[in-house]
């Protein structure tokens, strides 16, 4: 009597088919999870952008109350308004990606704001324009330029690209203010 090979291979083939299906589904699940969680660069960008924005808002609020120069006050008003709007957008974007970002400046920036707050008159105005106006916006423009090119998450990349022109405009305003105060 011949031995039937079909019936002995059936359990083996079922095992192989089930194993292949599990492997395929696992791969799909892993790639879906990977796509849903932004890369380390993207998370770092969101964190740095939130810190930069909250620093500019906090320092500009100090300038609103401390400066007696109308041009400095106008610049500070524009910074509080513009960066508050961007901060809200950034917070919503980060939340949609399950990333928490702070709405407070980091410790080193708090120290910078405290130092700035101890200055008075024209010295305050010049330092605010130089450090928060020019230097902080140069850093922000670089941060957002890089993210608009390097971010892997398309929403984060689009946010950086969309926000960049406003930051570049802020830098132009800051350069003009800084130059006017140097006279």
N, C-alpha and C. Protein backbone atom coordinates (compact mmCIF):
# COMPACT_ATOMS: atom_id res chain seq x y z
N UNK A 1 0.84 -1.17 0.00
CA UNK A 1 0.00 0.00 0.00
C UNK A 1 0.89 1.24 0.00
N UNK A 2 0.62 2.17 -0.93
CA UNK A 2 1.46 3.37 -1.03
C UNK A 2 1.16 4.32 0.13
N UNK A 3 2.19 5.06 0.53
CA UNK A 3 2.05 6.04 1.62
C UNK A 3 1.59 7.36 0.99
N UNK A 4 0.58 7.93 1.57
CA UNK A 4 0.03 9.19 1.06
C UNK A 4 0.87 10.36 1.58
N UNK A 5 1.47 11.10 0.69
CA UNK A 5 2.29 12.25 1.09
C UNK A 5 1.46 13.52 1.23
N UNK A 6 0.32 13.55 0.62
CA UNK A 6 -0.52 14.74 0.67
C UNK A 6 -1.02 15.00 2.08
N UNK A 7 -1.51 13.96 2.76
CA UNK A 7 -2.07 14.17 4.10
C UNK A 7 -0.98 14.49 5.12
N UNK A 8 0.23 14.03 4.95
CA UNK A 8 1.27 14.33 5.92
C UNK A 8 1.86 15.73 5.67
N UNK A 9 1.74 16.27 4.47
CA UNK A 9 2.25 17.61 4.20
C UNK A 9 1.24 18.69 4.55
N UNK A 10 0.00 18.39 4.65
CA UNK A 10 -1.03 19.38 4.90
C UNK A 10 -0.79 20.14 6.20
N UNK A 11 -0.55 19.46 7.34
CA UNK A 11 -0.31 20.23 8.56
C UNK A 11 0.94 21.12 8.43
N UNK A 12 1.96 20.60 7.76
CA UNK A 12 3.19 21.37 7.58
C UNK A 12 2.92 22.62 6.74
N UNK A 13 2.18 22.46 5.65
CA UNK A 13 1.88 23.60 4.78
C UNK A 13 1.01 24.63 5.50
N UNK A 14 0.08 24.15 6.33
CA UNK A 14 -0.76 25.06 7.11
C UNK A 14 0.12 25.87 8.06
N UNK A 15 1.07 25.22 8.71
CA UNK A 15 1.98 25.91 9.63
C UNK A 15 2.80 26.96 8.91
N UNK A 16 3.29 26.60 7.74
CA UNK A 16 4.08 27.56 6.96
C UNK A 16 3.21 28.75 6.55
N UNK A 17 2.00 28.49 6.10
CA UNK A 17 1.09 29.56 5.66
C UNK A 17 0.73 30.47 6.83
N UNK A 18 0.44 29.89 7.98
CA UNK A 18 0.11 30.69 9.17
C UNK A 18 1.32 31.51 9.60
N UNK A 19 2.48 30.88 9.59
CA UNK A 19 3.72 31.59 9.96
C UNK A 19 3.99 32.76 9.03
N UNK A 20 3.79 32.56 7.75
CA UNK A 20 4.01 33.63 6.77
C UNK A 20 3.01 34.77 6.98
N UNK A 21 1.76 34.42 7.25
CA UNK A 21 0.74 35.44 7.49
C UNK A 21 1.06 36.25 8.74
N UNK A 22 1.48 35.58 9.80
CA UNK A 22 1.84 36.28 11.05
C UNK A 22 3.03 37.20 10.80
N UNK A 23 4.02 36.71 10.09
CA UNK A 23 5.21 37.53 9.80
C UNK A 23 4.83 38.76 8.97
N UNK A 24 3.98 38.56 7.98
CA UNK A 24 3.56 39.67 7.13
C UNK A 24 2.77 40.69 7.93
N UNK A 25 1.82 40.22 8.71
CA UNK A 25 1.02 41.14 9.53
C UNK A 25 1.87 41.85 10.58
N UNK A 26 2.84 41.14 11.15
CA UNK A 26 3.73 41.77 12.12
C UNK A 26 4.54 42.87 11.47
N UNK A 27 5.01 42.60 10.28
CA UNK A 27 5.77 43.61 9.55
C UNK A 27 4.93 44.83 9.24
N UNK A 28 3.68 44.62 8.86
CA UNK A 28 2.77 45.73 8.59
C UNK A 28 2.51 46.50 9.88
N UNK A 29 2.26 45.81 10.97
CA UNK A 29 2.00 46.47 12.25
C UNK A 29 3.21 47.27 12.71
N UNK A 30 4.39 46.70 12.57
CA UNK A 30 5.61 47.40 12.99
C UNK A 30 5.84 48.63 12.13
N UNK A 31 5.66 48.51 10.81
CA UNK A 31 5.88 49.68 9.96
C UNK A 31 4.80 50.73 10.21
N UNK A 32 3.58 50.33 10.55
CA UNK A 32 2.52 51.29 10.87
C UNK A 32 2.85 52.03 12.16
N UNK A 33 3.36 51.31 13.14
CA UNK A 33 3.75 51.94 14.41
C UNK A 33 4.91 52.88 14.16
N UNK A 34 5.87 52.46 13.38
CA UNK A 34 7.03 53.30 13.08
C UNK A 34 6.59 54.57 12.35
N UNK A 35 5.62 54.45 11.45
CA UNK A 35 5.15 55.61 10.71
C UNK A 35 4.38 56.56 11.63
N UNK A 36 3.71 56.03 12.64
CA UNK A 36 2.91 56.85 13.53
C UNK A 36 3.76 57.59 14.55
N UNK A 37 4.93 57.08 14.89
CA UNK A 37 5.80 57.70 15.88
C UNK A 37 6.89 58.48 15.13
N UNK A 38 6.90 59.81 15.28
CA UNK A 38 7.92 60.58 14.57
C UNK A 38 9.34 60.19 14.99
N UNK A 39 10.25 60.37 14.09
CA UNK A 39 11.65 60.05 14.32
C UNK A 39 12.22 60.95 15.41
N UNK A 40 13.36 60.55 15.94
CA UNK A 40 14.01 61.31 17.02
C UNK A 40 14.29 62.74 16.57
N UNK A 41 14.75 62.93 15.33
CA UNK A 41 15.02 64.29 14.84
C UNK A 41 13.76 65.15 14.91
N UNK A 42 12.63 64.58 14.48
CA UNK A 42 11.37 65.32 14.46
C UNK A 42 10.93 65.69 15.89
N UNK A 43 11.05 64.76 16.81
CA UNK A 43 10.69 65.03 18.21
C UNK A 43 11.59 66.12 18.79
N UNK A 44 12.88 66.03 18.47
CA UNK A 44 13.84 67.02 18.96
C UNK A 44 13.53 68.41 18.37
N UNK A 45 13.18 68.45 17.10
CA UNK A 45 12.80 69.72 16.48
C UNK A 45 11.62 70.34 17.21
N UNK A 46 10.57 69.56 17.44
CA UNK A 46 9.39 70.09 18.11
C UNK A 46 9.73 70.63 19.50
N UNK A 47 10.56 69.92 20.21
CA UNK A 47 10.97 70.36 21.55
C UNK A 47 11.78 71.66 21.49
N UNK A 48 12.75 71.71 20.59
CA UNK A 48 13.56 72.93 20.45
C UNK A 48 12.72 74.11 19.96
N UNK A 49 11.82 73.85 19.05
CA UNK A 49 10.96 74.92 18.52
C UNK A 49 10.04 75.47 19.62
N UNK A 50 9.51 74.58 20.46
CA UNK A 50 8.66 75.03 21.57
C UNK A 50 9.47 75.86 22.55
N UNK A 51 10.69 75.43 22.84
CA UNK A 51 11.56 76.17 23.76
C UNK A 51 11.89 77.55 23.18
N UNK A 52 12.25 77.60 21.91
CA UNK A 52 12.59 78.88 21.27
C UNK A 52 11.40 79.83 21.30
N UNK A 53 10.23 79.32 20.96
CA UNK A 53 9.04 80.16 20.95
C UNK A 53 8.66 80.66 22.33
N UNK A 54 8.70 79.79 23.32
CA UNK A 54 8.32 80.21 24.68
C UNK A 54 9.34 81.20 25.23
N UNK A 55 10.60 81.06 24.85
CA UNK A 55 11.62 82.02 25.27
C UNK A 55 11.35 83.40 24.68
N UNK A 56 11.05 83.43 23.39
CA UNK A 56 10.77 84.72 22.75
C UNK A 56 9.50 85.37 23.31
N UNK A 57 8.50 84.57 23.61
CA UNK A 57 7.28 85.12 24.20
C UNK A 57 7.58 85.69 25.59
N UNK A 58 8.25 84.93 26.44
CA UNK A 58 8.53 85.37 27.81
C UNK A 58 9.41 86.63 27.81
N UNK A 59 10.46 86.64 27.01
CA UNK A 59 11.35 87.80 26.96
C UNK A 59 10.63 89.02 26.38
N UNK A 60 9.78 88.80 25.41
CA UNK A 60 9.05 89.91 24.80
C UNK A 60 8.00 90.48 25.76
N UNK A 61 7.45 89.66 26.62
CA UNK A 61 6.52 90.17 27.64
C UNK A 61 7.28 91.06 28.63
N UNK A 62 8.51 90.69 28.93
CA UNK A 62 9.35 91.54 29.80
C UNK A 62 9.57 92.88 29.08
N UNK A 63 9.87 92.83 27.79
CA UNK A 63 10.11 94.05 27.02
C UNK A 63 8.85 94.92 26.94
N UNK A 64 7.69 94.29 26.83
CA UNK A 64 6.45 95.06 26.77
C UNK A 64 6.27 95.92 28.03
N UNK A 65 6.63 95.37 29.17
CA UNK A 65 6.42 96.09 30.43
C UNK A 65 7.63 96.95 30.83
N UNK A 66 8.80 96.59 30.38
CA UNK A 66 10.02 97.23 30.87
C UNK A 66 10.54 98.35 29.97
N UNK A 67 10.39 98.22 28.68
CA UNK A 67 10.97 99.20 27.77
C UNK A 67 10.13 100.47 27.71
N UNK A 68 10.81 101.58 27.50
CA UNK A 68 10.11 102.84 27.29
C UNK A 68 10.25 103.28 25.83
N UNK A 69 10.94 102.48 25.02
CA UNK A 69 11.15 102.77 23.61
C UNK A 69 9.96 102.21 22.81
N UNK A 70 9.27 103.09 22.08
CA UNK A 70 8.07 102.66 21.34
C UNK A 70 8.38 101.60 20.28
N UNK A 71 9.53 101.71 19.62
CA UNK A 71 9.89 100.73 18.60
C UNK A 71 10.15 99.35 19.23
N UNK A 72 10.78 99.34 20.37
CA UNK A 72 11.03 98.08 21.09
C UNK A 72 9.69 97.48 21.52
N UNK A 73 8.80 98.31 22.03
CA UNK A 73 7.48 97.82 22.45
C UNK A 73 6.69 97.25 21.27
N UNK A 74 6.75 97.93 20.11
CA UNK A 74 6.04 97.43 18.92
C UNK A 74 6.61 96.08 18.49
N UNK A 75 7.93 95.98 18.50
CA UNK A 75 8.57 94.72 18.14
C UNK A 75 8.15 93.63 19.13
N UNK A 76 8.19 93.94 20.41
CA UNK A 76 7.81 92.96 21.45
C UNK A 76 6.36 92.53 21.28
N UNK A 77 5.47 93.48 20.98
CA UNK A 77 4.05 93.14 20.75
C UNK A 77 3.92 92.16 19.58
N UNK A 78 4.66 92.44 18.50
CA UNK A 78 4.60 91.56 17.32
C UNK A 78 5.14 90.17 17.66
N UNK A 79 6.19 90.11 18.48
CA UNK A 79 6.78 88.81 18.85
C UNK A 79 5.81 88.01 19.72
N UNK A 80 5.19 88.66 20.69
CA UNK A 80 4.24 87.94 21.55
C UNK A 80 3.08 87.42 20.71
N UNK A 81 2.53 88.27 19.87
CA UNK A 81 1.40 87.87 19.03
C UNK A 81 1.78 86.74 18.07
N UNK A 82 2.83 86.94 17.30
CA UNK A 82 3.23 85.95 16.30
C UNK A 82 3.66 84.63 16.90
N UNK A 83 4.47 84.68 17.94
CA UNK A 83 4.98 83.44 18.52
C UNK A 83 3.92 82.70 19.34
N UNK A 84 2.94 83.43 19.87
CA UNK A 84 1.85 82.76 20.59
C UNK A 84 1.01 81.93 19.60
N UNK A 85 0.75 82.49 18.43
CA UNK A 85 0.00 81.76 17.41
C UNK A 85 0.77 80.52 16.96
N UNK A 86 2.05 80.67 16.70
CA UNK A 86 2.88 79.53 16.27
C UNK A 86 2.96 78.49 17.39
N UNK A 87 3.08 78.95 18.64
CA UNK A 87 3.16 78.02 19.78
C UNK A 87 1.91 77.16 19.87
N UNK A 88 0.76 77.75 19.63
CA UNK A 88 -0.49 76.98 19.66
C UNK A 88 -0.53 75.94 18.55
N UNK A 89 -0.12 76.34 17.35
CA UNK A 89 -0.07 75.39 16.23
C UNK A 89 0.90 74.26 16.52
N UNK A 90 2.06 74.62 17.06
CA UNK A 90 3.08 73.61 17.38
C UNK A 90 2.56 72.64 18.44
N UNK A 91 1.90 73.18 19.44
CA UNK A 91 1.36 72.33 20.52
C UNK A 91 0.32 71.34 19.97
N UNK A 92 -0.54 71.82 19.08
CA UNK A 92 -1.55 70.94 18.47
C UNK A 92 -0.88 69.87 17.61
N UNK A 93 0.11 70.27 16.83
CA UNK A 93 0.83 69.32 15.99
C UNK A 93 1.53 68.26 16.85
N UNK A 94 2.22 68.71 17.86
CA UNK A 94 2.93 67.77 18.75
C UNK A 94 1.94 66.81 19.42
N UNK A 95 0.82 67.34 19.88
CA UNK A 95 -0.20 66.50 20.51
C UNK A 95 -0.73 65.45 19.54
N UNK A 96 -0.93 65.84 18.28
CA UNK A 96 -1.42 64.88 17.29
C UNK A 96 -0.41 63.76 17.03
N UNK A 97 0.85 64.01 17.37
CA UNK A 97 1.91 63.02 17.20
C UNK A 97 2.26 62.34 18.53
N UNK A 98 1.44 62.55 19.55
CA UNK A 98 1.66 62.00 20.89
C UNK A 98 3.01 62.42 21.47
N UNK A 99 3.36 63.69 21.26
CA UNK A 99 4.60 64.25 21.79
C UNK A 99 4.23 65.42 22.69
N UNK A 100 4.79 65.42 23.89
CA UNK A 100 4.56 66.53 24.81
C UNK A 100 5.66 67.56 24.64
N UNK A 101 5.26 68.83 24.53
CA UNK A 101 6.23 69.92 24.47
C UNK A 101 5.89 70.90 25.58
N UNK A 102 6.93 71.53 26.11
CA UNK A 102 6.74 72.48 27.20
C UNK A 102 6.33 73.83 26.64
N UNK A 103 5.54 74.55 27.42
CA UNK A 103 5.22 75.92 27.04
C UNK A 103 6.01 76.92 27.87
N UNK A 104 7.06 76.42 28.53
CA UNK A 104 7.95 77.26 29.33
C UNK A 104 9.37 77.18 28.77
N UNK A 105 10.11 78.29 28.87
CA UNK A 105 11.51 78.25 28.41
C UNK A 105 12.33 77.26 29.24
N UNK A 106 13.35 76.68 28.62
CA UNK A 106 14.27 75.78 29.31
C UNK A 106 15.07 76.61 30.33
N UNK A 107 15.72 75.93 31.25
CA UNK A 107 16.45 76.59 32.34
C UNK A 107 17.46 77.62 31.83
N UNK A 108 18.22 77.27 30.80
CA UNK A 108 19.24 78.23 30.31
C UNK A 108 18.59 79.48 29.74
N UNK A 109 17.41 79.33 29.15
CA UNK A 109 16.72 80.50 28.61
C UNK A 109 16.04 81.31 29.72
N UNK A 110 15.57 80.63 30.76
CA UNK A 110 15.02 81.36 31.91
C UNK A 110 16.09 82.24 32.53
N UNK A 111 17.31 81.71 32.64
CA UNK A 111 18.43 82.49 33.18
C UNK A 111 18.72 83.69 32.29
N UNK A 112 18.66 83.50 30.98
CA UNK A 112 18.90 84.60 30.04
C UNK A 112 17.82 85.68 30.21
N UNK A 113 16.58 85.28 30.38
CA UNK A 113 15.48 86.23 30.55
C UNK A 113 15.62 86.95 31.89
N UNK A 114 16.00 86.23 32.94
CA UNK A 114 16.23 86.86 34.24
C UNK A 114 17.33 87.92 34.16
N UNK A 115 18.42 87.57 33.48
CA UNK A 115 19.53 88.51 33.30
C UNK A 115 19.06 89.75 32.53
N UNK A 116 18.31 89.52 31.47
CA UNK A 116 17.76 90.61 30.68
C UNK A 116 16.87 91.50 31.54
N UNK A 117 16.06 90.89 32.39
CA UNK A 117 15.13 91.63 33.24
C UNK A 117 15.81 92.52 34.26
N UNK A 118 17.08 92.28 34.54
CA UNK A 118 17.81 93.11 35.50
C UNK A 118 18.39 94.37 34.85
N UNK A 119 18.33 94.45 33.54
CA UNK A 119 18.85 95.62 32.82
C UNK A 119 17.79 96.72 32.79
N UNK A 120 18.24 97.94 32.53
CA UNK A 120 17.34 99.09 32.49
C UNK A 120 17.59 99.93 31.25
N UNK A 121 16.59 100.70 30.85
CA UNK A 121 16.70 101.72 29.82
C UNK A 121 17.29 101.24 28.51
N UNK A 122 18.13 102.09 27.90
CA UNK A 122 18.72 101.75 26.59
C UNK A 122 19.55 100.46 26.63
N UNK A 123 20.16 100.17 27.77
CA UNK A 123 20.95 98.92 27.88
C UNK A 123 20.02 97.71 27.73
N UNK A 124 18.84 97.78 28.37
CA UNK A 124 17.85 96.71 28.23
C UNK A 124 17.43 96.58 26.76
N UNK A 125 17.07 97.71 26.16
CA UNK A 125 16.57 97.69 24.78
C UNK A 125 17.59 97.07 23.81
N UNK A 126 18.84 97.48 23.94
CA UNK A 126 19.89 96.96 23.05
C UNK A 126 20.11 95.47 23.26
N UNK A 127 20.14 95.04 24.51
CA UNK A 127 20.35 93.61 24.79
C UNK A 127 19.16 92.77 24.32
N UNK A 128 17.95 93.26 24.55
CA UNK A 128 16.75 92.56 24.08
C UNK A 128 16.78 92.42 22.55
N UNK A 129 17.09 93.53 21.86
CA UNK A 129 17.13 93.49 20.40
C UNK A 129 18.23 92.54 19.91
N UNK A 130 19.37 92.55 20.58
CA UNK A 130 20.49 91.70 20.15
C UNK A 130 20.26 90.22 20.46
N UNK A 131 19.85 89.93 21.69
CA UNK A 131 19.78 88.52 22.10
C UNK A 131 18.46 87.84 21.71
N UNK A 132 17.36 88.51 21.94
CA UNK A 132 16.06 87.91 21.62
C UNK A 132 15.67 88.24 20.19
N UNK A 133 15.91 89.45 19.79
CA UNK A 133 15.56 89.83 18.42
C UNK A 133 16.42 89.14 17.40
N UNK A 134 17.71 89.45 17.39
CA UNK A 134 18.59 88.97 16.33
C UNK A 134 19.08 87.54 16.59
N UNK A 135 19.78 87.31 17.68
CA UNK A 135 20.40 85.99 17.91
C UNK A 135 19.37 84.87 17.98
N UNK A 136 18.30 85.06 18.74
CA UNK A 136 17.29 84.00 18.87
C UNK A 136 16.61 83.72 17.53
N UNK A 137 16.38 84.77 16.73
CA UNK A 137 15.73 84.54 15.44
C UNK A 137 16.68 83.90 14.43
N UNK A 138 17.97 84.21 14.51
CA UNK A 138 18.93 83.50 13.64
C UNK A 138 18.89 82.01 13.94
N UNK A 139 18.89 81.68 15.24
CA UNK A 139 18.82 80.28 15.65
C UNK A 139 17.52 79.63 15.18
N UNK A 140 16.41 80.36 15.35
CA UNK A 140 15.10 79.81 14.94
C UNK A 140 15.03 79.60 13.44
N UNK A 141 15.54 80.55 12.67
CA UNK A 141 15.53 80.41 11.21
C UNK A 141 16.32 79.17 10.81
N UNK A 142 17.48 78.97 11.41
CA UNK A 142 18.28 77.78 11.10
C UNK A 142 17.54 76.51 11.50
N UNK A 143 16.97 76.49 12.70
CA UNK A 143 16.23 75.33 13.19
C UNK A 143 15.09 74.96 12.24
N UNK A 144 14.30 75.95 11.83
CA UNK A 144 13.14 75.70 10.97
C UNK A 144 13.56 75.40 9.53
N UNK A 145 14.65 76.02 9.06
CA UNK A 145 15.15 75.70 7.72
C UNK A 145 15.58 74.24 7.67
N UNK A 146 16.35 73.82 8.66
CA UNK A 146 16.80 72.43 8.72
C UNK A 146 15.61 71.47 8.77
N UNK A 147 14.65 71.76 9.64
CA UNK A 147 13.49 70.87 9.78
C UNK A 147 12.65 70.83 8.51
N UNK A 148 12.57 71.95 7.80
CA UNK A 148 11.77 71.96 6.56
C UNK A 148 12.40 71.06 5.49
N UNK A 149 13.68 70.74 5.67
CA UNK A 149 14.37 69.87 4.72
C UNK A 149 14.60 68.46 5.26
N UNK A 150 14.82 68.33 6.57
CA UNK A 150 15.26 67.06 7.14
C UNK A 150 14.19 66.27 7.89
N UNK A 151 13.11 66.90 8.30
CA UNK A 151 12.09 66.18 9.07
C UNK A 151 11.55 65.03 8.24
N UNK A 152 11.31 63.91 8.90
CA UNK A 152 10.79 62.75 8.16
C UNK A 152 9.26 62.72 8.17
N UNK A 153 8.65 63.30 9.18
CA UNK A 153 7.18 63.35 9.25
C UNK A 153 6.69 64.47 8.33
N UNK A 154 5.82 64.18 7.38
CA UNK A 154 5.39 65.21 6.43
C UNK A 154 4.66 66.39 7.08
N UNK A 155 3.92 66.14 8.16
CA UNK A 155 3.22 67.23 8.84
C UNK A 155 4.21 68.16 9.55
N UNK A 156 5.22 67.58 10.15
CA UNK A 156 6.23 68.38 10.85
C UNK A 156 7.05 69.16 9.84
N UNK A 157 7.40 68.53 8.75
CA UNK A 157 8.15 69.20 7.68
C UNK A 157 7.34 70.38 7.12
N UNK A 158 6.06 70.17 6.89
CA UNK A 158 5.19 71.23 6.36
C UNK A 158 5.03 72.37 7.36
N UNK A 159 4.92 72.06 8.64
CA UNK A 159 4.82 73.09 9.68
C UNK A 159 6.07 73.95 9.68
N UNK A 160 7.23 73.33 9.62
CA UNK A 160 8.49 74.07 9.61
C UNK A 160 8.56 74.98 8.38
N UNK A 161 8.21 74.44 7.23
CA UNK A 161 8.28 75.22 5.98
C UNK A 161 7.28 76.38 6.00
N UNK A 162 6.10 76.13 6.54
CA UNK A 162 5.05 77.17 6.60
C UNK A 162 5.44 78.30 7.56
N UNK A 163 6.10 77.97 8.66
CA UNK A 163 6.45 78.94 9.70
C UNK A 163 7.70 79.74 9.35
N UNK A 164 8.57 79.18 8.55
CA UNK A 164 9.86 79.78 8.23
C UNK A 164 9.79 81.22 7.70
N UNK A 165 8.91 81.55 6.74
CA UNK A 165 8.88 82.94 6.25
C UNK A 165 8.58 83.97 7.34
N UNK A 166 7.71 83.66 8.28
CA UNK A 166 7.42 84.59 9.38
C UNK A 166 8.65 84.79 10.25
N UNK A 167 9.38 83.72 10.51
CA UNK A 167 10.60 83.84 11.32
C UNK A 167 11.66 84.66 10.59
N UNK A 168 11.76 84.48 9.29
CA UNK A 168 12.70 85.27 8.50
C UNK A 168 12.32 86.75 8.55
N UNK A 169 11.03 87.03 8.51
CA UNK A 169 10.55 88.41 8.62
C UNK A 169 10.86 88.98 10.00
N UNK A 170 10.67 88.18 11.04
CA UNK A 170 11.01 88.62 12.40
C UNK A 170 12.50 88.96 12.49
N UNK A 171 13.33 88.15 11.86
CA UNK A 171 14.77 88.41 11.87
C UNK A 171 15.09 89.74 11.17
N UNK A 172 14.43 90.00 10.05
CA UNK A 172 14.63 91.28 9.36
C UNK A 172 14.21 92.45 10.26
N UNK A 173 13.06 92.30 10.92
CA UNK A 173 12.59 93.34 11.85
C UNK A 173 13.59 93.54 12.98
N UNK A 174 14.11 92.44 13.51
CA UNK A 174 15.06 92.50 14.63
C UNK A 174 16.36 93.18 14.20
N UNK A 175 16.84 92.85 13.01
CA UNK A 175 18.06 93.50 12.50
C UNK A 175 17.86 95.00 12.36
N UNK A 176 16.70 95.41 11.86
CA UNK A 176 16.41 96.84 11.70
C UNK A 176 16.33 97.52 13.07
N UNK A 177 15.66 96.89 14.02
CA UNK A 177 15.54 97.45 15.37
C UNK A 177 16.93 97.56 16.01
N UNK A 178 17.70 96.50 15.91
CA UNK A 178 19.05 96.48 16.49
C UNK A 178 19.92 97.60 15.90
N UNK A 179 19.84 97.78 14.60
CA UNK A 179 20.60 98.84 13.93
C UNK A 179 20.15 100.22 14.39
N UNK A 180 18.83 100.41 14.52
CA UNK A 180 18.30 101.71 14.97
C UNK A 180 18.73 102.01 16.41
N UNK A 181 18.79 101.02 17.26
CA UNK A 181 19.18 101.22 18.65
C UNK A 181 20.67 101.46 18.80
N UNK A 182 21.45 101.02 17.83
CA UNK A 182 22.90 101.19 17.90
C UNK A 182 23.32 102.63 17.57
N UNK A 183 22.41 103.39 16.99
CA UNK A 183 22.74 104.77 16.59
C UNK A 183 22.82 105.69 17.79
